[in-house]
PDB file of N, CA and C in Angstrom:
ATOM      1  N   UNK A   1     112.196 148.357 207.089  1.00  0.00           N
ATOM      2  CA  UNK A   1     112.414 146.939 207.059  1.00  0.00           C
ATOM      3  C   UNK A   1     113.639 146.614 206.146  1.00  0.00           C
ATOM      4  N   UNK A   2     114.589 145.883 206.740  1.00  0.00           N
ATOM      5  CA  UNK A   2     115.761 145.661 205.990  1.00  0.00           C
ATOM      6  C   UNK A   2     115.641 144.473 205.002  1.00  0.00           C
ATOM      7  N   UNK A   3     116.001 144.723 203.797  1.00  0.00           N
ATOM      8  CA  UNK A   3     115.997 143.644 202.702  1.00  0.00           C
ATOM      9  C   UNK A   3     117.359 142.881 202.823  1.00  0.00           C
ATOM     10  N   UNK A   4     117.258 141.466 202.848  1.00  0.00           N
ATOM     11  CA  UNK A   4     118.552 140.794 202.760  1.00  0.00           C
ATOM     12  C   UNK A   4     118.503 140.144 201.426  1.00  0.00           C
ATOM     13  N   UNK A   5     119.798 140.184 200.859  1.00  0.00           N
ATOM     14  CA  UNK A   5     120.100 139.444 199.613  1.00  0.00           C
ATOM     15  C   UNK A   5     121.059 138.291 199.815  1.00  0.00           C
ATOM     16  N   UNK A   6     121.094 137.443 198.986  1.00  0.00           N
ATOM     17  CA  UNK A   6     122.026 136.306 199.114  1.00  0.00           C
ATOM     18  C   UNK A   6     121.944 135.408 197.904  1.00  0.00           C
ATOM     19  N   UNK A   7     122.707 134.354 198.032  1.00  0.00           N
ATOM     20  CA  UNK A   7     122.838 133.340 197.063  1.00  0.00           C
ATOM     21  C   UNK A   7     122.634 131.928 197.658  1.00  0.00           C
ATOM     22  N   UNK A   8     121.770 131.285 197.156  1.00  0.00           N
ATOM     23  CA  UNK A   8     121.471 129.890 197.656  1.00  0.00           C
ATOM     24  C   UNK A   8     122.119 128.833 196.716  1.00  0.00           C
ATOM     25  N   UNK A   9     122.823 127.939 197.204  1.00  0.00           N
ATOM     26  CA  UNK A   9     123.385 126.742 196.451  1.00  0.00           C
ATOM     27  C   UNK A   9     122.353 125.707 196.507  1.00  0.00           C
ATOM     28  N   UNK A  10     121.598 125.529 195.517  1.00  0.00           N
ATOM     29  CA  UNK A  10     120.609 124.438 195.648  1.00  0.00           C
ATOM     30  C   UNK A  10     120.485 123.720 194.219  1.00  0.00           C
ATOM     31  N   UNK A  11     120.181 122.508 194.154  1.00  0.00           N
ATOM     32  CA  UNK A  11     119.867 121.697 192.982  1.00  0.00           C
ATOM     33  C   UNK A  11     120.970 121.933 192.014  1.00  0.00           C
ATOM     34  N   UNK A  12     122.256 121.922 192.376  1.00  0.00           N
ATOM     35  CA  UNK A  12     123.301 121.987 191.541  1.00  0.00           C
ATOM     36  C   UNK A  12     123.463 123.394 190.758  1.00  0.00           C
ATOM     37  N   UNK A  13     122.969 124.394 191.375  1.00  0.00           N
ATOM     38  CA  UNK A  13     123.102 125.703 190.827  1.00  0.00           C
ATOM     39  C   UNK A  13     123.192 126.859 191.943  1.00  0.00           C
ATOM     40  N   UNK A  14     123.256 128.106 191.534  1.00  0.00           N
ATOM     41  CA  UNK A  14     123.219 129.192 192.460  1.00  0.00           C
ATOM     42  C   UNK A  14     122.095 130.083 192.077  1.00  0.00           C
ATOM     43  N   UNK A  15     121.228 130.259 193.055  1.00  0.00           N
ATOM     44  CA  UNK A  15     120.019 131.218 192.833  1.00  0.00           C
ATOM     45  C   UNK A  15     120.181 132.253 193.680  1.00  0.00           C
ATOM     46  N   UNK A  16     120.067 133.482 193.192  1.00  0.00           N
ATOM     47  CA  UNK A  16     120.104 134.765 193.892  1.00  0.00           C
ATOM     48  C   UNK A  16     118.740 135.098 194.439  1.00  0.00           C
ATOM     49  N   UNK A  17     118.609 135.615 195.562  1.00  0.00           N
ATOM     50  CA  UNK A  17     117.365 135.859 196.156  1.00  0.00           C
ATOM     51  C   UNK A  17     117.383 137.219 197.051  1.00  0.00           C
ATOM     52  N   UNK A  18     116.124 137.710 197.250  1.00  0.00           N
ATOM     53  CA  UNK A  18     115.978 138.839 198.272  1.00  0.00           C
ATOM     54  C   UNK A  18     114.851 138.438 199.259  1.00  0.00           C
ATOM     55  N   UNK A  19     115.011 138.652 200.400  1.00  0.00           N
ATOM     56  CA  UNK A  19     113.950 138.362 201.384  1.00  0.00           C
ATOM     57  C   UNK A  19     113.850 139.395 202.487  1.00  0.00           C
ATOM     58  N   UNK A  20     112.614 139.512 203.091  1.00  0.00           N
ATOM     59  CA  UNK A  20     112.379 140.470 204.187  1.00  0.00           C
ATOM     60  C   UNK A  20     111.026 140.183 204.777  1.00  0.00           C
ATOM     61  N   UNK A  21     110.707 140.670 205.972  1.00  0.00           N
ATOM     62  CA  UNK A  21     109.406 140.505 206.591  1.00  0.00           C
ATOM     63  C   UNK A  21     109.258 139.302 207.448  1.00  0.00           C
ATOM     64  N   UNK A  22     108.040 139.212 208.077  1.00  0.00           N
ATOM     65  CA  UNK A  22     107.699 138.143 208.817  1.00  0.00           C
ATOM     66  C   UNK A  22     106.207 137.693 208.459  1.00  0.00           C
ATOM     67  N   UNK A  23     105.994 136.570 208.872  1.00  0.00           N
ATOM     68  CA  UNK A  23     104.640 136.006 208.670  1.00  0.00           C
ATOM     69  C   UNK A  23     104.704 134.883 207.708  1.00  0.00           C
ATOM     70  N   UNK A  24     103.397 134.644 207.147  1.00  0.00           N
ATOM     71  CA  UNK A  24     103.358 133.522 206.149  1.00  0.00           C
ATOM     72  C   UNK A  24     104.160 133.804 204.968  1.00  0.00           C
ATOM     73  N   UNK A  25     104.961 132.862 204.498  1.00  0.00           N
ATOM     74  CA  UNK A  25     105.757 133.113 203.285  1.00  0.00           C
ATOM     75  C   UNK A  25     105.125 133.513 201.953  1.00  0.00           C
ATOM     76  N   UNK A  26     105.594 134.488 201.199  1.00  0.00           N
ATOM     77  CA  UNK A  26     105.049 134.859 199.936  1.00  0.00           C
ATOM     78  C   UNK A  26     106.317 134.873 199.022  1.00  0.00           C
ATOM     79  N   UNK A  27     106.186 134.038 198.026  1.00  0.00           N
ATOM     80  CA  UNK A  27     107.211 133.986 197.006  1.00  0.00           C
ATOM     81  C   UNK A  27     106.810 134.695 195.748  1.00  0.00           C
ATOM     82  N   UNK A  28     107.689 135.546 195.345  1.00  0.00           N
ATOM     83  CA  UNK A  28     107.483 136.453 194.134  1.00  0.00           C
ATOM     84  C   UNK A  28     108.349 135.887 193.098  1.00  0.00           C
ATOM     85  N   UNK A  29     107.828 135.551 191.852  1.00  0.00           N
ATOM     86  CA  UNK A  29     108.492 135.031 190.782  1.00  0.00           C
ATOM     87  C   UNK A  29     108.442 135.888 189.581  1.00  0.00           C
ATOM     88  N   UNK A  30     109.479 136.503 189.089  1.00  0.00           N
ATOM     89  CA  UNK A  30     109.585 137.403 187.999  1.00  0.00           C
ATOM     90  C   UNK A  30     109.294 136.660 186.691  1.00  0.00           C
ATOM     91  N   UNK A  31     109.050 137.533 185.601  1.00  0.00           N
ATOM     92  CA  UNK A  31     108.788 137.025 184.338  1.00  0.00           C
ATOM     93  C   UNK A  31     110.089 136.892 183.475  1.00  0.00           C
ATOM     94  N   UNK A  32     109.871 136.476 182.233  1.00  0.00           N
ATOM     95  CA  UNK A  32     111.010 136.196 181.334  1.00  0.00           C
ATOM     96  C   UNK A  32     111.822 137.521 181.101  1.00  0.00           C
ATOM     97  N   UNK A  33     113.228 137.297 180.906  1.00  0.00           N
ATOM     98  CA  UNK A  33     114.055 138.401 180.720  1.00  0.00           C
ATOM     99  C   UNK A  33     113.998 139.542 181.739  1.00  0.00           C
ATOM    100  N   UNK A  34     113.934 139.142 182.955  1.00  0.00           N
ATOM    101  CA  UNK A  34     113.701 140.002 184.098  1.00  0.00           C
ATOM    102  C   UNK A  34     114.510 139.500 185.383  1.00  0.00           C
ATOM    103  N   UNK A  35     114.165 140.148 186.470  1.00  0.00           N
ATOM    104  CA  UNK A  35     114.864 139.629 187.656  1.00  0.00           C
ATOM    105  C   UNK A  35     114.012 140.288 188.864  1.00  0.00           C
ATOM    106  N   UNK A  36     114.484 140.167 190.051  1.00  0.00           N
ATOM    107  CA  UNK A  36     113.754 140.658 191.205  1.00  0.00           C
ATOM    108  C   UNK A  36     113.287 142.225 191.196  1.00  0.00           C
ATOM    109  N   UNK A  37     114.014 142.969 190.341  1.00  0.00           N
ATOM    110  CA  UNK A  37     113.702 144.383 190.200  1.00  0.00           C
ATOM    111  C   UNK A  37     112.066 144.456 189.800  1.00  0.00           C
ATOM    112  N   UNK A  38     111.669 143.461 189.113  1.00  0.00           N
ATOM    113  CA  UNK A  38     110.355 143.379 188.710  1.00  0.00           C
ATOM    114  C   UNK A  38     109.361 143.886 189.816  1.00  0.00           C
ATOM    115  N   UNK A  39     109.672 143.319 191.086  1.00  0.00           N
ATOM    116  CA  UNK A  39     108.852 143.531 192.172  1.00  0.00           C
ATOM    117  C   UNK A  39     109.330 144.579 193.143  1.00  0.00           C
ATOM    118  N   UNK A  40     110.098 145.505 192.726  1.00  0.00           N
ATOM    119  CA  UNK A  40     110.690 146.528 193.533  1.00  0.00           C
ATOM    120  C   UNK A  40     109.491 147.482 194.219  1.00  0.00           C
ATOM    121  N   UNK A  41     108.569 147.877 193.448  1.00  0.00           N
ATOM    122  CA  UNK A  41     107.479 148.622 194.107  1.00  0.00           C
ATOM    123  C   UNK A  41     106.639 147.917 194.991  1.00  0.00           C
ATOM    124  N   UNK A  42     106.524 146.547 194.961  1.00  0.00           N
ATOM    125  CA  UNK A  42     105.472 145.778 195.638  1.00  0.00           C
ATOM    126  C   UNK A  42     106.229 145.099 196.931  1.00  0.00           C
ATOM    127  N   UNK A  43     107.629 144.930 196.771  1.00  0.00           N
ATOM    128  CA  UNK A  43     108.377 144.250 197.756  1.00  0.00           C
ATOM    129  C   UNK A  43     108.113 144.640 199.181  1.00  0.00           C
ATOM    130  N   UNK A  44     108.467 145.916 199.417  1.00  0.00           N
ATOM    131  CA  UNK A  44     108.279 146.431 200.786  1.00  0.00           C
ATOM    132  C   UNK A  44     106.899 146.404 201.399  1.00  0.00           C
ATOM    133  N   UNK A  45     105.825 146.853 200.582  1.00  0.00           N
ATOM    134  CA  UNK A  45     104.532 146.802 201.124  1.00  0.00           C
ATOM    135  C   UNK A  45     104.133 145.244 201.399  1.00  0.00           C
ATOM    136  N   UNK A  46     104.545 144.339 200.586  1.00  0.00           N
ATOM    137  CA  UNK A  46     104.283 142.907 200.853  1.00  0.00           C
ATOM    138  C   UNK A  46     104.979 142.508 202.213  1.00  0.00           C
ATOM    139  N   UNK A  47     106.266 142.972 202.320  1.00  0.00           N
ATOM    140  CA  UNK A  47     107.000 142.643 203.626  1.00  0.00           C
ATOM    141  C   UNK A  47     106.412 143.160 204.785  1.00  0.00           C
ATOM    142  N   UNK A  48     105.543 144.049 204.791  1.00  0.00           N
ATOM    143  CA  UNK A  48     104.925 144.504 205.885  1.00  0.00           C
ATOM    144  C   UNK A  48     103.877 143.500 206.523  1.00  0.00           C
ATOM    145  N   UNK A  49     103.512 142.533 205.691  1.00  0.00           N
ATOM    146  CA  UNK A  49     102.503 141.616 206.048  1.00  0.00           C
ATOM    147  C   UNK A  49     102.998 140.156 205.963  1.00  0.00           C
ATOM    148  N   UNK A  50     104.004 139.856 205.216  1.00  0.00           N
ATOM    149  CA  UNK A  50     104.387 138.511 204.828  1.00  0.00           C
ATOM    150  C   UNK A  50     105.929 138.438 204.931  1.00  0.00           C
ATOM    151  N   UNK A  51     106.438 137.172 204.891  1.00  0.00           N
ATOM    152  CA  UNK A  51     107.797 136.853 204.799  1.00  0.00           C
ATOM    153  C   UNK A  51     107.982 136.716 203.294  1.00  0.00           C
ATOM    154  N   UNK A  52     108.530 137.791 202.756  1.00  0.00           N
ATOM    155  CA  UNK A  52     108.632 137.903 201.194  1.00  0.00           C
ATOM    156  C   UNK A  52     110.079 137.211 200.750  1.00  0.00           C
ATOM    157  N   UNK A  53     109.985 136.339 199.759  1.00  0.00           N
ATOM    158  CA  UNK A  53     111.111 135.792 199.263  1.00  0.00           C
ATOM    159  C   UNK A  53     110.860 135.943 197.621  1.00  0.00           C
ATOM    160  N   UNK A  54     111.955 136.700 197.108  1.00  0.00           N
ATOM    161  CA  UNK A  54     111.993 136.870 195.639  1.00  0.00           C
ATOM    162  C   UNK A  54     113.255 136.185 195.192  1.00  0.00           C
ATOM    163  N   UNK A  55     113.147 135.403 194.147  1.00  0.00           N
ATOM    164  CA  UNK A  55     114.348 134.798 193.620  1.00  0.00           C
ATOM    165  C   UNK A  55     114.502 135.055 192.156  1.00  0.00           C
ATOM    166  N   UNK A  56     115.742 134.892 191.634  1.00  0.00           N
ATOM    167  CA  UNK A  56     115.946 134.917 190.164  1.00  0.00           C
ATOM    168  C   UNK A  56     116.304 133.607 189.702  1.00  0.00           C
ATOM    169  N   UNK A  57     115.528 133.043 188.747  1.00  0.00           N
ATOM    170  CA  UNK A  57     115.581 131.660 188.207  1.00  0.00           C
ATOM    171  C   UNK A  57     116.870 131.606 187.273  1.00  0.00           C
ATOM    172  N   UNK A  58     117.225 130.386 187.042  1.00  0.00           N
ATOM    173  CA  UNK A  58     118.508 130.095 186.293  1.00  0.00           C
ATOM    174  C   UNK A  58     118.602 130.957 185.103  1.00  0.00           C
ATOM    175  N   UNK A  59     119.728 131.517 184.851  1.00  0.00           N
ATOM    176  CA  UNK A  59     119.979 132.328 183.696  1.00  0.00           C
ATOM    177  C   UNK A  59     119.396 133.795 183.748  1.00  0.00           C
ATOM    178  N   UNK A  60     118.658 134.164 184.785  1.00  0.00           N
ATOM    179  CA  UNK A  60     118.118 135.434 184.925  1.00  0.00           C
ATOM    180  C   UNK A  60     118.744 136.275 186.052  1.00  0.00           C
ATOM    181  N   UNK A  61     118.813 137.466 185.847  1.00  0.00           N
ATOM    182  CA  UNK A  61     119.481 138.399 186.909  1.00  0.00           C
ATOM    183  C   UNK A  61     120.825 137.957 187.237  1.00  0.00           C
ATOM    184  N   UNK A  62     121.050 137.752 188.643  1.00  0.00           N
ATOM    185  CA  UNK A  62     122.354 137.416 189.090  1.00  0.00           C
ATOM    186  C   UNK A  62     122.461 135.864 189.335  1.00  0.00           C
ATOM    187  N   UNK A  63     121.498 135.152 188.953  1.00  0.00           N
ATOM    188  CA  UNK A  63     121.506 133.668 189.222  1.00  0.00           C
ATOM    189  C   UNK A  63     122.397 133.049 188.115  1.00  0.00           C
ATOM    190  N   UNK A  64     122.970 131.812 188.415  1.00  0.00           N
ATOM    191  CA  UNK A  64     123.813 131.081 187.459  1.00  0.00           C
ATOM    192  C   UNK A  64     123.111 130.713 186.239  1.00  0.00           C
ATOM    193  N   UNK A  65     123.943 130.715 185.094  1.00  0.00           N
ATOM    194  CA  UNK A  65     123.437 130.407 183.830  1.00  0.00           C
ATOM    195  C   UNK A  65     123.322 128.871 183.791  1.00  0.00           C
ATOM    196  N   UNK A  66     122.212 128.417 183.138  1.00  0.00           N
ATOM    197  CA  UNK A  66     122.253 126.842 182.956  1.00  0.00           C
ATOM    198  C   UNK A  66     123.350 126.271 182.341  1.00  0.00           C
ATOM    199  N   UNK A  67     123.804 125.119 182.829  1.00  0.00           N
ATOM    200  CA  UNK A  67     125.082 124.507 182.242  1.00  0.00           C
ATOM    201  C   UNK A  67     124.832 123.409 181.160  1.00  0.00           C
ATOM    202  N   UNK A  68     123.750 123.084 180.767  1.00  0.00           N
ATOM    203  CA  UNK A  68     123.405 122.083 179.766  1.00  0.00           C
ATOM    204  C   UNK A  68     122.874 120.893 180.480  1.00  0.00           C
ATOM    205  N   UNK A  69     123.126 120.702 181.646  1.00  0.00           N
ATOM    206  CA  UNK A  69     122.531 119.579 182.478  1.00  0.00           C
ATOM    207  C   UNK A  69     120.958 119.804 182.553  1.00  0.00           C
ATOM    208  N   UNK A  70     120.249 118.714 182.447  1.00  0.00           N
ATOM    209  CA  UNK A  70     118.717 118.855 182.544  1.00  0.00           C
ATOM    210  C   UNK A  70     118.409 119.359 183.945  1.00  0.00           C
ATOM    211  N   UNK A  71     117.356 120.142 183.957  1.00  0.00           N
ATOM    212  CA  UNK A  71     116.795 120.700 185.167  1.00  0.00           C
ATOM    213  C   UNK A  71     115.385 121.041 184.966  1.00  0.00           C
ATOM    214  N   UNK A  72     114.782 121.313 186.163  1.00  0.00           N
ATOM    215  CA  UNK A  72     113.392 121.863 186.005  1.00  0.00           C
ATOM    216  C   UNK A  72     113.359 123.064 186.978  1.00  0.00           C
ATOM    217  N   UNK A  73     112.668 124.112 186.525  1.00  0.00           N
ATOM    218  CA  UNK A  73     112.545 125.346 187.408  1.00  0.00           C
ATOM    219  C   UNK A  73     111.801 124.938 188.750  1.00  0.00           C
ATOM    220  N   UNK A  74     110.803 124.231 188.522  1.00  0.00           N
ATOM    221  CA  UNK A  74     109.968 123.881 189.790  1.00  0.00           C
ATOM    222  C   UNK A  74     110.889 123.101 190.736  1.00  0.00           C
ATOM    223  N   UNK A  75     111.848 122.208 190.315  1.00  0.00           N
ATOM    224  CA  UNK A  75     112.664 121.635 191.326  1.00  0.00           C
ATOM    225  C   UNK A  75     113.726 122.526 191.889  1.00  0.00           C
ATOM    226  N   UNK A  76     114.088 123.552 191.164  1.00  0.00           N
ATOM    227  CA  UNK A  76     114.929 124.706 191.721  1.00  0.00           C
ATOM    228  C   UNK A  76     114.242 125.384 192.833  1.00  0.00           C
ATOM    229  N   UNK A  77     113.003 125.705 192.478  1.00  0.00           N
ATOM    230  CA  UNK A  77     112.252 126.505 193.583  1.00  0.00           C
ATOM    231  C   UNK A  77     111.937 125.616 194.720  1.00  0.00           C
ATOM    232  N   UNK A  78     111.637 124.439 194.588  1.00  0.00           N
ATOM    233  CA  UNK A  78     111.306 123.477 195.551  1.00  0.00           C
ATOM    234  C   UNK A  78     112.505 123.444 196.540  1.00  0.00           C
ATOM    235  N   UNK A  79     113.662 123.304 195.939  1.00  0.00           N
ATOM    236  CA  UNK A  79     114.943 123.201 196.703  1.00  0.00           C
ATOM    237  C   UNK A  79     115.248 124.394 197.458  1.00  0.00           C
ATOM    238  N   UNK A  80     114.937 125.614 196.808  1.00  0.00           N
ATOM    239  CA  UNK A  80     115.228 126.841 197.418  1.00  0.00           C
ATOM    240  C   UNK A  80     114.291 127.053 198.576  1.00  0.00           C
ATOM    241  N   UNK A  81     112.969 126.737 198.579  1.00  0.00           N
ATOM    242  CA  UNK A  81     112.087 126.725 199.638  1.00  0.00           C
ATOM    243  C   UNK A  81     112.516 125.887 200.734  1.00  0.00           C
ATOM    244  N   UNK A  82     112.814 124.739 200.483  1.00  0.00           N
ATOM    245  CA  UNK A  82     113.323 123.774 201.398  1.00  0.00           C
ATOM    246  C   UNK A  82     114.617 124.382 202.183  1.00  0.00           C
ATOM    247  N   UNK A  83     115.473 124.978 201.510  1.00  0.00           N
ATOM    248  CA  UNK A  83     116.733 125.578 202.111  1.00  0.00           C
ATOM    249  C   UNK A  83     116.247 126.594 203.081  1.00  0.00           C
ATOM    250  N   UNK A  84     115.057 127.308 202.947  1.00  0.00           N
ATOM    251  CA  UNK A  84     114.595 128.211 203.925  1.00  0.00           C
ATOM    252  C   UNK A  84     113.680 127.693 204.881  1.00  0.00           C
ATOM    253  N   UNK A  85     113.507 126.491 204.794  1.00  0.00           N
ATOM    254  CA  UNK A  85     112.524 125.733 205.810  1.00  0.00           C
ATOM    255  C   UNK A  85     111.108 126.066 205.457  1.00  0.00           C
ATOM    256  N   UNK A  86     110.664 126.448 204.340  1.00  0.00           N
ATOM    257  CA  UNK A  86     109.469 126.742 203.946  1.00  0.00           C
ATOM    258  C   UNK A  86     108.672 125.580 203.472  1.00  0.00           C
ATOM    259  N   UNK A  87     107.672 125.272 204.040  1.00  0.00           N
ATOM    260  CA  UNK A  87     106.758 124.059 203.637  1.00  0.00           C
ATOM    261  C   UNK A  87     105.472 124.461 203.099  1.00  0.00           C
ATOM    262  N   UNK A  88     105.023 125.586 203.282  1.00  0.00           N
ATOM    263  CA  UNK A  88     103.772 126.176 202.666  1.00  0.00           C
ATOM    264  C   UNK A  88     104.004 127.636 202.428  1.00  0.00           C
ATOM    265  N   UNK A  89     103.655 128.041 201.241  1.00  0.00           N
ATOM    266  CA  UNK A  89     103.731 129.484 200.889  1.00  0.00           C
ATOM    267  C   UNK A  89     102.634 129.929 199.896  1.00  0.00           C
ATOM    268  N   UNK A  90     102.416 131.197 199.873  1.00  0.00           N
ATOM    269  CA  UNK A  90     101.692 131.850 198.762  1.00  0.00           C
ATOM    270  C   UNK A  90     102.717 132.165 197.618  1.00  0.00           C
ATOM    271  N   UNK A  91     102.311 131.933 196.442  1.00  0.00           N
ATOM    272  CA  UNK A  91     103.268 131.991 195.356  1.00  0.00           C
ATOM    273  C   UNK A  91     102.582 132.938 194.289  1.00  0.00           C
ATOM    274  N   UNK A  92     103.286 134.017 193.993  1.00  0.00           N
ATOM    275  CA  UNK A  92     102.829 135.062 193.047  1.00  0.00           C
ATOM    276  C   UNK A  92     103.844 135.151 191.913  1.00  0.00           C
ATOM    277  N   UNK A  93     103.380 134.685 190.674  1.00  0.00           N
ATOM    278  CA  UNK A  93     104.282 134.834 189.428  1.00  0.00           C
ATOM    279  C   UNK A  93     103.733 135.700 188.495  1.00  0.00           C
ATOM    280  N   UNK A  94     104.599 136.495 187.798  1.00  0.00           N
ATOM    281  CA  UNK A  94     104.302 137.393 186.815  1.00  0.00           C
ATOM    282  C   UNK A  94     104.709 136.742 185.452  1.00  0.00           C
ATOM    283  N   UNK A  95     103.686 136.660 184.512  1.00  0.00           N
ATOM    284  CA  UNK A  95     103.991 136.198 183.154  1.00  0.00           C
ATOM    285  C   UNK A  95     104.545 134.737 183.129  1.00  0.00           C
ATOM    286  N   UNK A  96     105.732 134.549 182.784  1.00  0.00           N
ATOM    287  CA  UNK A  96     106.407 133.308 182.766  1.00  0.00           C
ATOM    288  C   UNK A  96     106.599 132.785 184.181  1.00  0.00           C
ATOM    289  N   UNK A  97     106.614 133.788 185.115  1.00  0.00           N
ATOM    290  CA  UNK A  97     106.797 133.329 186.464  1.00  0.00           C
ATOM    291  C   UNK A  97     105.615 132.649 186.972  1.00  0.00           C
ATOM    292  N   UNK A  98     104.369 132.951 186.366  1.00  0.00           N
ATOM    293  CA  UNK A  98     103.159 132.309 186.728  1.00  0.00           C
ATOM    294  C   UNK A  98     103.257 130.886 186.348  1.00  0.00           C
ATOM    295  N   UNK A  99     103.922 130.635 185.177  1.00  0.00           N
ATOM    296  CA  UNK A  99     104.051 129.206 184.669  1.00  0.00           C
ATOM    297  C   UNK A  99     105.009 128.503 185.711  1.00  0.00           C
ATOM    298  N   UNK A 100     105.917 129.121 186.220  1.00  0.00           N
ATOM    299  CA  UNK A 100     106.749 128.530 187.269  1.00  0.00           C
ATOM    300  C   UNK A 100     105.971 128.169 188.414  1.00  0.00           C
ATOM    301  N   UNK A 101     105.047 129.008 188.785  1.00  0.00           N
ATOM    302  CA  UNK A 101     104.278 128.793 190.095  1.00  0.00           C
ATOM    303  C   UNK A 101     103.291 127.653 189.838  1.00  0.00           C
ATOM    304  N   UNK A 102     102.835 127.460 188.637  1.00  0.00           N
ATOM    305  CA  UNK A 102     101.771 126.467 188.363  1.00  0.00           C
ATOM    306  C   UNK A 102     102.555 125.113 188.340  1.00  0.00           C
ATOM    307  N   UNK A 103     103.889 125.049 187.948  1.00  0.00           N
ATOM    308  CA  UNK A 103     104.650 123.881 188.053  1.00  0.00           C
ATOM    309  C   UNK A 103     104.681 123.200 189.395  1.00  0.00           C
ATOM    310  N   UNK A 104     104.387 123.984 190.413  1.00  0.00           N
ATOM    311  CA  UNK A 104     104.488 123.565 191.780  1.00  0.00           C
ATOM    312  C   UNK A 104     103.245 122.872 192.251  1.00  0.00           C
ATOM    313  N   UNK A 105     102.236 122.653 191.486  1.00  0.00           N
ATOM    314  CA  UNK A 105     100.906 122.232 191.798  1.00  0.00           C
ATOM    315  C   UNK A 105     100.910 120.730 192.258  1.00  0.00           C
ATOM    316  N   UNK A 106     101.835 119.914 191.924  1.00  0.00           N
ATOM    317  CA  UNK A 106     101.762 118.484 192.208  1.00  0.00           C
ATOM    318  C   UNK A 106     101.637 118.322 193.769  1.00  0.00           C
ATOM    319  N   UNK A 107     101.039 117.133 194.117  1.00  0.00           N
ATOM    320  CA  UNK A 107     100.787 116.912 195.681  1.00  0.00           C
ATOM    321  C   UNK A 107     102.087 116.887 196.361  1.00  0.00           C
ATOM    322  N   UNK A 108     103.226 116.564 195.715  1.00  0.00           N
ATOM    323  CA  UNK A 108     104.508 116.500 196.544  1.00  0.00           C
ATOM    324  C   UNK A 108     105.190 117.863 196.622  1.00  0.00           C
ATOM    325  N   UNK A 109     104.475 118.847 196.142  1.00  0.00           N
ATOM    326  CA  UNK A 109     105.217 120.234 196.077  1.00  0.00           C
ATOM    327  C   UNK A 109     104.377 121.085 197.031  1.00  0.00           C
ATOM    328  N   UNK A 110     104.763 122.217 197.135  1.00  0.00           N
ATOM    329  CA  UNK A 110     104.177 123.223 197.973  1.00  0.00           C
ATOM    330  C   UNK A 110     102.785 123.666 197.514  1.00  0.00           C
TER     331      UNK A 110
END
């Protein structure tokens, strides 16, 4: 299965991502001081069953560094999901990534 990498211009920033697979979306969120490589061993097995999307939040990995303007990680993720046309997804976060996932719990979010 071919992994695609790219950069999404969303919410006033650039977020790097990797995606592969088909089916219901599964979003992988890495922890602090990390990037998508966190999910390297799990990415392909998950992509056999899901449409996997791993992204690197602001200031992490290859994504843009915060500029000093106010932002919320949940808003960045929401904008990224919308750019992919994703309205519902499984969200899996590791450590600080789990906090990012919990921030999406409001009714207006995924």
